Amino acid sequence: TLHVGTATFTVEVAGTITARARGLSGHAPLGARQGMLFNFPSPSAGAFWMQGMLFPLDFIWIKKGVVVGITANALPMKDTGYKLYYPPLPVDQVLEINAGAAKKFGIVVGSKVY
């Protein structure tokens, strides 16, 4: 369970290199309050892509328990070509949730994550 501001999500954790590389590619659509949390051993400004994705996502970029950026409505690669998404600064976590969920649940830069 992960709390972002006043919203609560049940998350799958991508804590290994293999899990982070696979992400949600080929995954069934998420429920309204589900997501995938990517944990990095040290802050990273690495790119995310939407290869093999079946649905659009919001990326919530997190550093030291605070939302530092949001990328809304990242579309599957089949719709955008080879597009990469980067955090605004190195982050130690990234939360992927359904596109539109950040706005729907009032997640903004500065929201606390715990």
PDB file of N, CA and C in Angstrom:
ATOM      1  N   THR A   1       0.850  -1.187   0.000  1.00  0.00           N
ATOM      2  CA  THR A   1       0.000   0.000   0.000  1.00  0.00           C
ATOM      3  C   THR A   1       0.885   1.236   0.000  1.00  0.00           C
ATOM      4  N   LEU A   2       0.535   2.191  -0.823  1.00  0.00           N
ATOM      5  CA  LEU A   2       1.294   3.432  -0.928  1.00  0.00           C
ATOM      6  C   LEU A   2       0.321   4.598  -0.853  1.00  0.00           C
ATOM      7  N   HIS A   3       0.650   5.592  -0.036  1.00  0.00           N
ATOM      8  CA  HIS A   3      -0.158   6.797   0.093  1.00  0.00           C
ATOM      9  C   HIS A   3       0.551   7.927  -0.640  1.00  0.00           C
ATOM     10  N   VAL A   4      -0.186   8.615  -1.494  1.00  0.00           N
ATOM     11  CA  VAL A   4       0.345   9.767  -2.220  1.00  0.00           C
ATOM     12  C   VAL A   4      -0.627  10.905  -1.967  1.00  0.00           C
ATOM     13  N   GLY A   5      -0.211  11.864  -1.158  1.00  0.00           N
ATOM     14  CA  GLY A   5      -1.148  12.887  -0.727  1.00  0.00           C
ATOM     15  C   GLY A   5      -2.267  12.221   0.048  1.00  0.00           C
ATOM     16  N   THR A   6      -3.504  12.428  -0.366  1.00  0.00           N
ATOM     17  CA  THR A   6      -4.651  11.808   0.307  1.00  0.00           C
ATOM     18  C   THR A   6      -5.119  10.539  -0.384  1.00  0.00           C
ATOM     19  N   ALA A   7      -4.448  10.150  -1.470  1.00  0.00           N
ATOM     20  CA  ALA A   7      -4.834   8.950  -2.227  1.00  0.00           C
ATOM     21  C   ALA A   7      -4.053   7.735  -1.737  1.00  0.00           C
ATOM     22  N   THR A   8      -4.699   6.576  -1.804  1.00  0.00           N
ATOM     23  CA  THR A   8      -4.068   5.318  -1.417  1.00  0.00           C
ATOM     24  C   THR A   8      -4.105   4.361  -2.606  1.00  0.00           C
ATOM     25  N   PHE A   9      -2.973   3.718  -2.879  1.00  0.00           N
ATOM     26  CA  PHE A   9      -2.865   2.776  -3.992  1.00  0.00           C
ATOM     27  C   PHE A   9      -2.305   1.448  -3.493  1.00  0.00           C
ATOM     28  N   THR A  10      -2.785   0.375  -4.095  1.00  0.00           N
ATOM     29  CA  THR A  10      -2.181  -0.940  -3.922  1.00  0.00           C
ATOM     30  C   THR A  10      -1.186  -1.067  -5.068  1.00  0.00           C
ATOM     31  N   VAL A  11       0.077  -1.333  -4.728  1.00  0.00           N
ATOM     32  CA  VAL A  11       1.102  -1.335  -5.773  1.00  0.00           C
ATOM     33  C   VAL A  11       1.835  -2.655  -5.856  1.00  0.00           C
ATOM     34  N   GLU A  12       2.254  -2.965  -7.066  1.00  0.00           N
ATOM     35  CA  GLU A  12       3.225  -4.015  -7.308  1.00  0.00           C
ATOM     36  C   GLU A  12       4.575  -3.312  -7.271  1.00  0.00           C
ATOM     37  N   VAL A  13       5.569  -3.924  -6.667  1.00  0.00           N
ATOM     38  CA  VAL A  13       6.878  -3.295  -6.546  1.00  0.00           C
ATOM     39  C   VAL A  13       7.842  -3.881  -7.573  1.00  0.00           C
ATOM     40  N   ALA A  14       8.458  -2.992  -8.340  1.00  0.00           N
ATOM     41  CA  ALA A  14       9.499  -3.380  -9.297  1.00  0.00           C
ATOM     42  C   ALA A  14      10.828  -3.017  -8.649  1.00  0.00           C
ATOM     43  N   GLY A  15      11.373  -3.944  -7.901  1.00  0.00           N
ATOM     44  CA  GLY A  15      12.571  -3.669  -7.130  1.00  0.00           C
ATOM     45  C   GLY A  15      13.847  -4.257  -7.690  1.00  0.00           C
ATOM     46  N   THR A  16      13.724  -5.083  -8.735  1.00  0.00           N
ATOM     47  CA  THR A  16      14.917  -5.677  -9.343  1.00  0.00           C
ATOM     48  C   THR A  16      15.120  -5.103 -10.740  1.00  0.00           C
ATOM     49  N   ILE A  17      16.315  -5.283 -11.269  1.00  0.00           N
ATOM     50  CA  ILE A  17      16.605  -4.796 -12.619  1.00  0.00           C
ATOM     51  C   ILE A  17      15.634  -5.406 -13.625  1.00  0.00           C
ATOM     52  N   THR A  18      15.393  -6.701 -13.514  1.00  0.00           N
ATOM     53  CA  THR A  18      14.486  -7.393 -14.441  1.00  0.00           C
ATOM     54  C   THR A  18      13.070  -6.857 -14.322  1.00  0.00           C
ATOM     55  N   ALA A  19      12.585  -6.709 -13.099  1.00  0.00           N
ATOM     56  CA  ALA A  19      11.216  -6.198 -12.888  1.00  0.00           C
ATOM     57  C   ALA A  19      11.088  -4.763 -13.386  1.00  0.00           C
ATOM     58  N   ARG A  20      12.121  -3.951 -13.169  1.00  0.00           N
ATOM     59  CA  ARG A  20      12.062  -2.557 -13.640  1.00  0.00           C
ATOM     60  C   ARG A  20      12.072  -2.506 -15.162  1.00  0.00           C
ATOM     61  N   ALA A  21      12.827  -3.384 -15.810  1.00  0.00           N
ATOM     62  CA  ALA A  21      12.880  -3.403 -17.278  1.00  0.00           C
ATOM     63  C   ALA A  21      11.535  -3.834 -17.869  1.00  0.00           C
ATOM     64  N   ARG A  22      10.885  -4.793 -17.239  1.00  0.00           N
ATOM     65  CA  ARG A  22       9.599  -5.297 -17.716  1.00  0.00           C
ATOM     66  C   ARG A  22       8.473  -4.311 -17.405  1.00  0.00           C
ATOM     67  N   GLY A  23       8.483  -3.768 -16.194  1.00  0.00           N
ATOM     68  CA  GLY A  23       7.441  -2.823 -15.791  1.00  0.00           C
ATOM     69  C   GLY A  23       6.053  -3.392 -15.999  1.00  0.00           C
ATOM     70  N   LEU A  24       5.194  -2.595 -16.571  1.00  0.00           N
ATOM     71  CA  LEU A  24       3.808  -3.010 -16.821  1.00  0.00           C
ATOM     72  C   LEU A  24       3.585  -3.463 -18.269  1.00  0.00           C
ATOM     73  N   SER A  25       4.667  -3.695 -19.019  1.00  0.00           N
ATOM     74  CA  SER A  25       4.528  -4.155 -20.405  1.00  0.00           C
ATOM     75  C   SER A  25       3.726  -5.449 -20.450  1.00  0.00           C
ATOM     76  N   GLY A  26       2.693  -5.470 -21.277  1.00  0.00           N
ATOM     77  CA  GLY A  26       1.852  -6.649 -21.435  1.00  0.00           C
ATOM     78  C   GLY A  26       0.924  -6.916 -20.261  1.00  0.00           C
ATOM     79  N   HIS A  27       0.924  -6.055 -19.279  1.00  0.00           N
ATOM     80  CA  HIS A  27       0.128  -6.212 -18.054  1.00  0.00           C
ATOM     81  C   HIS A  27      -1.348  -5.903 -18.347  1.00  0.00           C
ATOM     82  N   ALA A  28      -2.215  -6.616 -17.665  1.00  0.00           N
ATOM     83  CA  ALA A  28      -3.646  -6.305 -17.757  1.00  0.00           C
ATOM     84  C   ALA A  28      -3.879  -4.897 -17.219  1.00  0.00           C
ATOM     85  N   PRO A  29      -4.934  -4.230 -17.677  1.00  0.00           N
ATOM     86  CA  PRO A  29      -5.216  -2.875 -17.176  1.00  0.00           C
ATOM     87  C   PRO A  29      -5.274  -2.825 -15.647  1.00  0.00           C
ATOM     88  N   LEU A  30      -4.839  -1.703 -15.111  1.00  0.00           N
ATOM     89  CA  LEU A  30      -4.845  -1.499 -13.667  1.00  0.00           C
ATOM     90  C   LEU A  30      -6.232  -1.113 -13.172  1.00  0.00           C
ATOM     91  N   GLY A  31      -6.509  -1.438 -11.925  1.00  0.00           N
ATOM     92  CA  GLY A  31      -7.712  -0.942 -11.278  1.00  0.00           C
ATOM     93  C   GLY A  31      -7.526   0.535 -10.953  1.00  0.00           C
ATOM     94  N   ALA A  32      -8.585   1.197 -10.551  1.00  0.00           N
ATOM     95  CA  ALA A  32      -8.548   2.638 -10.299  1.00  0.00           C
ATOM     96  C   ALA A  32      -7.517   3.037  -9.256  1.00  0.00           C
ATOM     97  N   ARG A  33      -7.264   2.186  -8.294  1.00  0.00           N
ATOM     98  CA  ARG A  33      -6.323   2.509  -7.209  1.00  0.00           C
ATOM     99  C   ARG A  33      -5.168   1.512  -7.154  1.00  0.00           C
ATOM    100  N   GLN A  34      -4.733   1.075  -8.333  1.00  0.00           N
ATOM    101  CA  GLN A  34      -3.590   0.173  -8.435  1.00  0.00           C
ATOM    102  C   GLN A  34      -2.467   0.877  -9.179  1.00  0.00           C
ATOM    103  N   GLY A  35      -1.249   0.385  -8.978  1.00  0.00           N
ATOM    104  CA  GLY A  35      -0.109   0.944  -9.681  1.00  0.00           C
ATOM    105  C   GLY A  35       1.101   0.053  -9.560  1.00  0.00           C
ATOM    106  N   MET A  36       2.191   0.519 -10.146  1.00  0.00           N
ATOM    107  CA  MET A  36       3.473  -0.162 -10.006  1.00  0.00           C
ATOM    108  C   MET A  36       4.472   0.860  -9.493  1.00  0.00           C
ATOM    109  N   LEU A  37       5.200   0.476  -8.435  1.00  0.00           N
ATOM    110  CA  LEU A  37       6.200   1.332  -7.828  1.00  0.00           C
ATOM    111  C   LEU A  37       7.593   0.816  -8.190  1.00  0.00           C
ATOM    112  N   PHE A  38       8.390   1.692  -8.780  1.00  0.00           N
ATOM    113  CA  PHE A  38       9.765   1.383  -9.147  1.00  0.00           C
ATOM    114  C   PHE A  38      10.669   1.977  -8.074  1.00  0.00           C
ATOM    115  N   ASN A  39      11.466   1.140  -7.441  1.00  0.00           N
ATOM    116  CA  ASN A  39      12.426   1.571  -6.430  1.00  0.00           C
ATOM    117  C   ASN A  39      13.825   1.498  -7.021  1.00  0.00           C
ATOM    118  N   PHE A  40      14.606   2.553  -6.834  1.00  0.00           N
ATOM    119  CA  PHE A  40      15.980   2.580  -7.324  1.00  0.00           C
ATOM    120  C   PHE A  40      16.936   2.640  -6.136  1.00  0.00           C
ATOM    121  N   PRO A  41      18.055   1.898  -6.206  1.00  0.00           N
ATOM    122  CA  PRO A  41      19.005   1.889  -5.100  1.00  0.00           C
ATOM    123  C   PRO A  41      19.668   3.247  -4.865  1.00  0.00           C
ATOM    124  N   SER A  42      19.751   4.068  -5.910  1.00  0.00           N
ATOM    125  CA  SER A  42      20.263   5.434  -5.777  1.00  0.00           C
ATOM    126  C   SER A  42      19.483   6.297  -6.777  1.00  0.00           C
ATOM    127  N   PRO A  43      19.418   7.604  -6.555  1.00  0.00           N
ATOM    128  CA  PRO A  43      18.647   8.462  -7.461  1.00  0.00           C
ATOM    129  C   PRO A  43      19.062   8.275  -8.917  1.00  0.00           C
ATOM    130  N   SER A  44      18.056   8.240  -9.781  1.00  0.00           N
ATOM    131  CA  SER A  44      18.275   7.989 -11.203  1.00  0.00           C
ATOM    132  C   SER A  44      17.463   8.974 -12.041  1.00  0.00           C
ATOM    133  N   ALA A  45      18.047   9.383 -13.162  1.00  0.00           N
ATOM    134  CA  ALA A  45      17.330  10.225 -14.125  1.00  0.00           C
ATOM    135  C   ALA A  45      17.097   9.434 -15.403  1.00  0.00           C
ATOM    136  N   GLY A  46      17.078   8.108 -15.266  1.00  0.00           N
ATOM    137  CA  GLY A  46      16.894   7.233 -16.422  1.00  0.00           C
ATOM    138  C   GLY A  46      15.532   7.383 -17.067  1.00  0.00           C
ATOM    139  N   ALA A  47      15.481   7.023 -18.344  1.00  0.00           N
ATOM    140  CA  ALA A  47      14.258   7.158 -19.134  1.00  0.00           C
ATOM    141  C   ALA A  47      13.301   5.992 -18.901  1.00  0.00           C
ATOM    142  N   PHE A  48      12.027   6.294 -19.057  1.00  0.00           N
ATOM    143  CA  PHE A  48      10.976   5.283 -19.080  1.00  0.00           C
ATOM    144  C   PHE A  48      10.389   5.291 -20.476  1.00  0.00           C
ATOM    145  N   TRP A  49       9.955   4.131 -20.920  1.00  0.00           N
ATOM    146  CA  TRP A  49       9.305   4.036 -22.216  1.00  0.00           C
ATOM    147  C   TRP A  49       8.042   3.222 -22.075  1.00  0.00           C
ATOM    148  N   MET A  50       7.256   3.179 -23.118  1.00  0.00           N
ATOM    149  CA  MET A  50       5.950   2.526 -23.067  1.00  0.00           C
ATOM    150  C   MET A  50       5.873   1.346 -24.029  1.00  0.00           C
ATOM    151  N   GLN A  51       7.014   0.673 -24.244  1.00  0.00           N
ATOM    152  CA  GLN A  51       7.050  -0.483 -25.127  1.00  0.00           C
ATOM    153  C   GLN A  51       6.198  -1.607 -24.546  1.00  0.00           C
ATOM    154  N   GLY A  52       5.334  -2.175 -25.377  1.00  0.00           N
ATOM    155  CA  GLY A  52       4.511  -3.300 -24.970  1.00  0.00           C
ATOM    156  C   GLY A  52       3.346  -2.934 -24.059  1.00  0.00           C
ATOM    157  N   MET A  53       3.158  -1.639 -23.818  1.00  0.00           N
ATOM    158  CA  MET A  53       2.051  -1.203 -22.952  1.00  0.00           C
ATOM    159  C   MET A  53       0.725  -1.304 -23.695  1.00  0.00           C
ATOM    160  N   LEU A  54      -0.304  -1.653 -22.937  1.00  0.00           N
ATOM    161  CA  LEU A  54      -1.640  -1.818 -23.508  1.00  0.00           C
ATOM    162  C   LEU A  54      -2.568  -0.670 -23.146  1.00  0.00           C
ATOM    163  N   PHE A  55      -2.094   0.250 -22.291  1.00  0.00           N
ATOM    164  CA  PHE A  55      -2.934   1.361 -21.824  1.00  0.00           C
ATOM    165  C   PHE A  55      -2.029   2.528 -21.408  1.00  0.00           C
ATOM    166  N   PRO A  56      -2.544   3.757 -21.428  1.00  0.00           N
ATOM    167  CA  PRO A  56      -1.735   4.921 -21.044  1.00  0.00           C
ATOM    168  C   PRO A  56      -1.572   5.026 -19.527  1.00  0.00           C
ATOM    169  N   LEU A  57      -0.524   5.745 -19.127  1.00  0.00           N
ATOM    170  CA  LEU A  57      -0.183   5.881 -17.713  1.00  0.00           C
ATOM    171  C   LEU A  57       0.115   7.332 -17.333  1.00  0.00           C
ATOM    172  N   ASP A  58       0.050   7.598 -16.042  1.00  0.00           N
ATOM    173  CA  ASP A  58       0.645   8.790 -15.443  1.00  0.00           C
ATOM    174  C   ASP A  58       1.899   8.318 -14.718  1.00  0.00           C
ATOM    175  N   PHE A  59       3.008   9.033 -14.886  1.00  0.00           N
ATOM    176  CA  PHE A  59       4.232   8.773 -14.137  1.00  0.00           C
ATOM    177  C   PHE A  59       4.299   9.774 -12.995  1.00  0.00           C
ATOM    178  N   ILE A  60       4.451   9.284 -11.785  1.00  0.00           N
ATOM    179  CA  ILE A  60       4.622  10.129 -10.614  1.00  0.00           C
ATOM    180  C   ILE A  60       6.083   9.990 -10.199  1.00  0.00           C
ATOM    181  N   TRP A  61       6.859  11.058 -10.368  1.00  0.00           N
ATOM    182  CA  TRP A  61       8.294  11.052 -10.086  1.00  0.00           C
ATOM    183  C   TRP A  61       8.487  11.453  -8.618  1.00  0.00           C
ATOM    184  N   ILE A  62       9.199  10.612  -7.847  1.00  0.00           N
ATOM    185  CA  ILE A  62       9.293  10.777  -6.395  1.00  0.00           C
ATOM    186  C   ILE A  62      10.755  10.810  -5.957  1.00  0.00           C
ATOM    187  N   LYS A  63      11.068  11.751  -5.064  1.00  0.00           N
ATOM    188  CA  LYS A  63      12.402  11.813  -4.463  1.00  0.00           C
ATOM    189  C   LYS A  63      12.247  12.050  -2.969  1.00  0.00           C
ATOM    190  N   LYS A  64      12.841  11.158  -2.189  1.00  0.00           N
ATOM    191  CA  LYS A  64      12.830  11.263  -0.727  1.00  0.00           C
ATOM    192  C   LYS A  64      11.415  11.475  -0.172  1.00  0.00           C
ATOM    193  N   GLY A  65      10.450  10.732  -0.715  1.00  0.00           N
ATOM    194  CA  GLY A  65       9.099  10.759  -0.186  1.00  0.00           C
ATOM    195  C   GLY A  65       8.254  11.953  -0.578  1.00  0.00           C
ATOM    196  N   VAL A  66       8.653  12.662  -1.635  1.00  0.00           N
ATOM    197  CA  VAL A  66       7.895  13.820  -2.101  1.00  0.00           C
ATOM    198  C   VAL A  66       7.764  13.753  -3.626  1.00  0.00           C
ATOM    199  N   VAL A  67       6.577  14.047  -4.139  1.00  0.00           N
ATOM    200  CA  VAL A  67       6.369  14.101  -5.588  1.00  0.00           C
ATOM    201  C   VAL A  67       7.121  15.320  -6.130  1.00  0.00           C
ATOM    202  N   VAL A  68       8.042  15.069  -7.089  1.00  0.00           N
ATOM    203  CA  VAL A  68       8.825  16.154  -7.677  1.00  0.00           C
ATOM    204  C   VAL A  68       8.437  16.425  -9.126  1.00  0.00           C
ATOM    205  N   GLY A  69       7.566  15.602  -9.668  1.00  0.00           N
ATOM    206  CA  GLY A  69       7.106  15.804 -11.040  1.00  0.00           C
ATOM    207  C   GLY A  69       6.027  14.815 -11.400  1.00  0.00           C
ATOM    208  N   ILE A  70       5.248  15.165 -12.420  1.00  0.00           N
ATOM    209  CA  ILE A  70       4.184  14.291 -12.921  1.00  0.00           C
ATOM    210  C   ILE A  70       4.211  14.366 -14.444  1.00  0.00           C
ATOM    211  N   THR A  71       4.213  13.208 -15.073  1.00  0.00           N
ATOM    212  CA  THR A  71       4.037  13.132 -16.519  1.00  0.00           C
ATOM    213  C   THR A  71       2.675  12.492 -16.729  1.00  0.00           C
ATOM    214  N   ALA A  72       1.742  13.265 -17.240  1.00  0.00           N
ATOM    215  CA  ALA A  72       0.368  12.787 -17.409  1.00  0.00           C
ATOM    216  C   ALA A  72       0.172  12.187 -18.799  1.00  0.00           C
ATOM    217  N   ASN A  73      -0.631  11.134 -18.842  1.00  0.00           N
ATOM    218  CA  ASN A  73      -1.099  10.526 -20.080  1.00  0.00           C
ATOM    219  C   ASN A  73       0.012  10.105 -21.041  1.00  0.00           C
ATOM    220  N   ALA A  74       0.963   9.340 -20.533  1.00  0.00           N
ATOM    221  CA  ALA A  74       1.985   8.747 -21.391  1.00  0.00           C
ATOM    222  C   ALA A  74       1.325   7.621 -22.184  1.00  0.00           C
ATOM    223  N   LEU A  75       1.377   7.727 -23.500  1.00  0.00           N
ATOM    224  CA  LEU A  75       0.679   6.781 -24.371  1.00  0.00           C
ATOM    225  C   LEU A  75       1.557   5.587 -24.724  1.00  0.00           C
ATOM    226  N   PRO A  76       0.923   4.432 -25.009  1.00  0.00           N
ATOM    227  CA  PRO A  76       1.689   3.257 -25.445  1.00  0.00           C
ATOM    228  C   PRO A  76       2.542   3.575 -26.671  1.00  0.00           C
ATOM    229  N   MET A  77       3.674   2.897 -26.778  1.00  0.00           N
ATOM    230  CA  MET A  77       4.612   3.135 -27.863  1.00  0.00           C
ATOM    231  C   MET A  77       3.970   2.942 -29.236  1.00  0.00           C
ATOM    232  N   LYS A  78       2.999   2.043 -29.333  1.00  0.00           N
ATOM    233  CA  LYS A  78       2.342   1.823 -30.631  1.00  0.00           C
ATOM    234  C   LYS A  78       1.630   3.085 -31.107  1.00  0.00           C
ATOM    235  N   ASP A  79       1.325   3.999 -30.184  1.00  0.00           N
ATOM    236  CA  ASP A  79       0.634   5.248 -30.541  1.00  0.00           C
ATOM    237  C   ASP A  79       1.579   6.430 -30.727  1.00  0.00           C
ATOM    238  N   THR A  80       2.801   6.339 -30.189  1.00  0.00           N
ATOM    239  CA  THR A  80       3.699   7.497 -30.199  1.00  0.00           C
ATOM    240  C   THR A  80       5.023   7.250 -30.899  1.00  0.00           C
ATOM    241  N   GLY A  81       5.337   6.002 -31.217  1.00  0.00           N
ATOM    242  CA  GLY A  81       6.667   5.687 -31.699  1.00  0.00           C
ATOM    243  C   GLY A  81       7.603   5.587 -30.506  1.00  0.00           C
ATOM    244  N   TYR A  82       8.881   5.683 -30.752  1.00  0.00           N
ATOM    245  CA  TYR A  82       9.887   5.486 -29.713  1.00  0.00           C
ATOM    246  C   TYR A  82      10.045   6.768 -28.889  1.00  0.00           C
ATOM    247  N   LYS A  83       9.118   7.002 -27.983  1.00  0.00           N
ATOM    248  CA  LYS A  83       9.161   8.178 -27.129  1.00  0.00           C
ATOM    249  C   LYS A  83       9.660   7.782 -25.744  1.00  0.00           C
ATOM    250  N   LEU A  84      10.572   8.593 -25.206  1.00  0.00           N
ATOM    251  CA  LEU A  84      11.111   8.350 -23.873  1.00  0.00           C
ATOM    252  C   LEU A  84      10.590   9.420 -22.919  1.00  0.00           C
ATOM    253  N   TYR A  85      10.403   9.033 -21.661  1.00  0.00           N
ATOM    254  CA  TYR A  85       9.920   9.938 -20.623  1.00  0.00           C
ATOM    255  C   TYR A  85      10.971  10.019 -19.519  1.00  0.00           C
ATOM    256  N   TYR A  86      11.335  11.242 -19.141  1.00  0.00           N
ATOM    257  CA  TYR A  86      12.380  11.465 -18.147  1.00  0.00           C
ATOM    258  C   TYR A  86      11.824  12.210 -16.941  1.00  0.00           C
ATOM    259  N   PRO A  87      12.367  11.913 -15.745  1.00  0.00           N
ATOM    260  CA  PRO A  87      11.978  12.689 -14.570  1.00  0.00           C
ATOM    261  C   PRO A  87      12.579  14.093 -14.655  1.00  0.00           C
ATOM    262  N   PRO A  88      12.019  15.049 -13.911  1.00  0.00           N
ATOM    263  CA  PRO A  88      12.559  16.411 -13.949  1.00  0.00           C
ATOM    264  C   PRO A  88      13.917  16.534 -13.251  1.00  0.00           C
ATOM    265  N   LEU A  89      14.245  15.558 -12.415  1.00  0.00           N
ATOM    266  CA  LEU A  89      15.524  15.486 -11.711  1.00  0.00           C
ATOM    267  C   LEU A  89      15.703  14.043 -11.260  1.00  0.00           C
ATOM    268  N   PRO A  90      16.902  13.647 -10.844  1.00  0.00           N
ATOM    269  CA  PRO A  90      17.070  12.255 -10.411  1.00  0.00           C
ATOM    270  C   PRO A  90      16.100  11.905  -9.272  1.00  0.00           C
ATOM    271  N   VAL A  91      15.470  10.738  -9.388  1.00  0.00           N
ATOM    272  CA  VAL A  91      14.463  10.294  -8.423  1.00  0.00           C
ATOM    273  C   VAL A  91      14.837   8.928  -7.868  1.00  0.00           C
ATOM    274  N   ASP A  92      14.287   8.602  -6.692  1.00  0.00           N
ATOM    275  CA  ASP A  92      14.540   7.281  -6.127  1.00  0.00           C
ATOM    276  C   ASP A  92      13.345   6.351  -6.251  1.00  0.00           C
ATOM    277  N   GLN A  93      12.199   6.905  -6.674  1.00  0.00           N
ATOM    278  CA  GLN A  93      11.008   6.085  -6.912  1.00  0.00           C
ATOM    279  C   GLN A  93      10.196   6.686  -8.055  1.00  0.00           C
ATOM    280  N   VAL A  94       9.482   5.808  -8.747  1.00  0.00           N
ATOM    281  CA  VAL A  94       8.518   6.229  -9.759  1.00  0.00           C
ATOM    282  C   VAL A  94       7.270   5.387  -9.557  1.00  0.00           C
ATOM    283  N   LEU A  95       6.137   6.045  -9.527  1.00  0.00           N
ATOM    284  CA  LEU A  95       4.856   5.354  -9.432  1.00  0.00           C
ATOM    285  C   LEU A  95       4.150   5.480 -10.764  1.00  0.00           C
ATOM    286  N   GLU A  96       3.767   4.345 -11.329  1.00  0.00           N
ATOM    287  CA  GLU A  96       2.956   4.337 -12.549  1.00  0.00           C
ATOM    288  C   GLU A  96       1.516   4.013 -12.157  1.00  0.00           C
ATOM    289  N   ILE A  97       0.603   4.886 -12.582  1.00  0.00           N
ATOM    290  CA  ILE A  97      -0.824   4.705 -12.321  1.00  0.00           C
ATOM    291  C   ILE A  97      -1.582   4.983 -13.612  1.00  0.00           C
ATOM    292  N   ASN A  98      -2.862   4.665 -13.622  1.00  0.00           N
ATOM    293  CA  ASN A  98      -3.666   4.907 -14.819  1.00  0.00           C
ATOM    294  C   ASN A  98      -3.616   6.369 -15.229  1.00  0.00           C
ATOM    295  N   ALA A  99      -3.608   6.594 -16.542  1.00  0.00           N
ATOM    296  CA  ALA A  99      -3.655   7.959 -17.057  1.00  0.00           C
ATOM    297  C   ALA A  99      -4.883   8.674 -16.497  1.00  0.00           C
ATOM    298  N   GLY A 100      -4.674   9.875 -16.026  1.00  0.00           N
ATOM    299  CA  GLY A 100      -5.752  10.677 -15.458  1.00  0.00           C
ATOM    300  C   GLY A 100      -5.916  10.525 -13.959  1.00  0.00           C
ATOM    301  N   ALA A 101      -5.277   9.500 -13.373  1.00  0.00           N
ATOM    302  CA  ALA A 101      -5.445   9.250 -11.938  1.00  0.00           C
ATOM    303  C   ALA A 101      -4.780  10.331 -11.091  1.00  0.00           C
ATOM    304  N   ALA A 102      -3.670  10.877 -11.540  1.00  0.00           N
ATOM    305  CA  ALA A 102      -3.008  11.930 -10.755  1.00  0.00           C
ATOM    306  C   ALA A 102      -3.969  13.110 -10.578  1.00  0.00           C
ATOM    307  N   LYS A 103      -4.577  13.532 -11.654  1.00  0.00           N
ATOM    308  CA  LYS A 103      -5.532  14.650 -11.581  1.00  0.00           C
ATOM    309  C   LYS A 103      -6.761  14.253 -10.767  1.00  0.00           C
ATOM    310  N   LYS A 104      -7.301  13.075 -11.048  1.00  0.00           N
ATOM    311  CA  LYS A 104      -8.510  12.598 -10.371  1.00  0.00           C
ATOM    312  C   LYS A 104      -8.342  12.567  -8.851  1.00  0.00           C
ATOM    313  N   PHE A 105      -7.162  12.137  -8.380  1.00  0.00           N
ATOM    314  CA  PHE A 105      -6.941  11.988  -6.945  1.00  0.00           C
ATOM    315  C   PHE A 105      -6.186  13.164  -6.321  1.00  0.00           C
ATOM    316  N   GLY A 106      -6.007  14.237  -7.080  1.00  0.00           N
ATOM    317  CA  GLY A 106      -5.400  15.448  -6.535  1.00  0.00           C
ATOM    318  C   GLY A 106      -3.919  15.348  -6.232  1.00  0.00           C
ATOM    319  N   ILE A 107      -3.208  14.494  -6.966  1.00  0.00           N
ATOM    320  CA  ILE A 107      -1.764  14.368  -6.765  1.00  0.00           C
ATOM    321  C   ILE A 107      -1.075  15.528  -7.480  1.00  0.00           C
ATOM    322  N   VAL A 108      -0.240  16.244  -6.745  1.00  0.00           N
ATOM    323  CA  VAL A 108       0.457  17.399  -7.290  1.00  0.00           C
ATOM    324  C   VAL A 108       1.914  17.365  -6.829  1.00  0.00           C
ATOM    325  N   VAL A 109       2.756  18.160  -7.489  1.00  0.00           N
ATOM    326  CA  VAL A 109       4.133  18.320  -7.039  1.00  0.00           C
ATOM    327  C   VAL A 109       4.086  18.819  -5.597  1.00  0.00           C
ATOM    328  N   GLY A 110       4.863  18.171  -4.753  1.00  0.00           N
ATOM    329  CA  GLY A 110       4.868  18.506  -3.330  1.00  0.00           C
ATOM    330  C   GLY A 110       4.058  17.535  -2.470  1.00  0.00           C
ATOM    331  N   SER A 111       3.222  16.699  -3.108  1.00  0.00           N
ATOM    332  CA  SER A 111       2.461  15.706  -2.347  1.00  0.00           C
ATOM    333  C   SER A 111       3.421  14.764  -1.629  1.00  0.00           C
ATOM    334  N   LYS A 112       3.111  14.425  -0.408  1.00  0.00           N
ATOM    335  CA  LYS A 112       3.940  13.490   0.378  1.00  0.00           C
ATOM    336  C   LYS A 112       3.603  12.055  -0.015  1.00  0.00           C
ATOM    337  N   VAL A 113       4.623  11.212  -0.002  1.00  0.00           N
ATOM    338  CA  VAL A 113       4.475   9.794  -0.363  1.00  0.00           C
ATOM    339  C   VAL A 113       4.967   8.956   0.811  1.00  0.00           C
ATOM    340  N   TYR A 114       4.129   8.023   1.256  1.00  0.00           N
ATOM    341  CA  TYR A 114       4.544   7.136   2.353  1.00  0.00           C
ATOM    342  C   TYR A 114       3.802   5.828   2.271  1.00  0.00           C
TER     343      TYR A 114
END
